């Protein structure tokens, strides 16, 4: 069967080969050699929508190998030039920086770079933003009044916040937020803040559990990404009905906008198709799929639609940070030193 007739398939990152449906003529365990292989740490449902639409438009088959940011970034670094990956997509940009520093990305076509504003892609041009999410504080108005909310994320390291806020420090989402603290406050400032955080924070498994704890009245406030709250509000608000959102703004590290990244691997077996795929997801149709879809993330291309209720990106007053400078390994080192990992 021609690969141009096949839809996108999802393959776990740990699986290296798969017999595609209807392809009995292939060697057992072989992936169609014409398939575009995407190492995907973005939300699986969103990337599947992108892959299906891209296949429908171009006839190019896409195989997704799903994992988390750090898992796939480290896998690519270990595989090096021997990797069979064509494209790498992440939720947060520190994983992109790790792969970039390893010299594993190819320059992107000018068409892709021109589509995405400079604020949402690295100066190097070796990868690009494909989506964005804002840091927010979710709070329970029954436990804390609006005038008691912290003016800055940095305030949460002060003694008066001991036991009064929560987060998920073990997750890549929160580690990306810490990378913004490191970038804006320097190593000594980030170390001091993390020491205060370790004294004060109630640790949860992930953003959703953090939000649930605030909603249930376990803690007054939690630090999460915006879209978890908006998704729940769009349903029955079961896990967020007792909460509101607080935006830090003022170029505070708590106003950090995390960029999800996409890049083409330098040794991609299907380099032209890989560039086409990134051009598609940063193009009009790809950003429409993102902006109107389930995820409630922000498109990064001007003019793309967003879900109702989302404040415009430009109103968030995020700190200006080149996403390629975010230092994931140093964040891990400092968080481990502080006893948070």
Foldseek 3Di string as FASTA:
>chain_A
DDLLPDAEEEAAQVQDFDDDPPPVVDDPRHDPPQAAEEAEQPPPVLVSVLRRVLSVVPSHYYYYHYDALVVVLVVCLVCDLVDQHFKYWHPFLQSVLSNVVSVWFDAADPLLVVQFDQLFAFPVNRKGFLFKWWKWKKFFCVVDPPVRDDLAPLCCLDPVQAQAEEAAVVDPQVLNLLLLQCVVVPDVRSLSSLLSCLRHYDHDNHQLVRLQCRQVVSHGIYIHIDQSQVLCVVPVCPRHPRIDIGQNAPQHSSGAMGTIMMGTTPNHPCNVVSSVSSSSLSDQVNLLCVQPDSRQIGGRGPPHHHDPPDDDSVVRNHHRDRSSPRPSVSSVVSNVVSVND
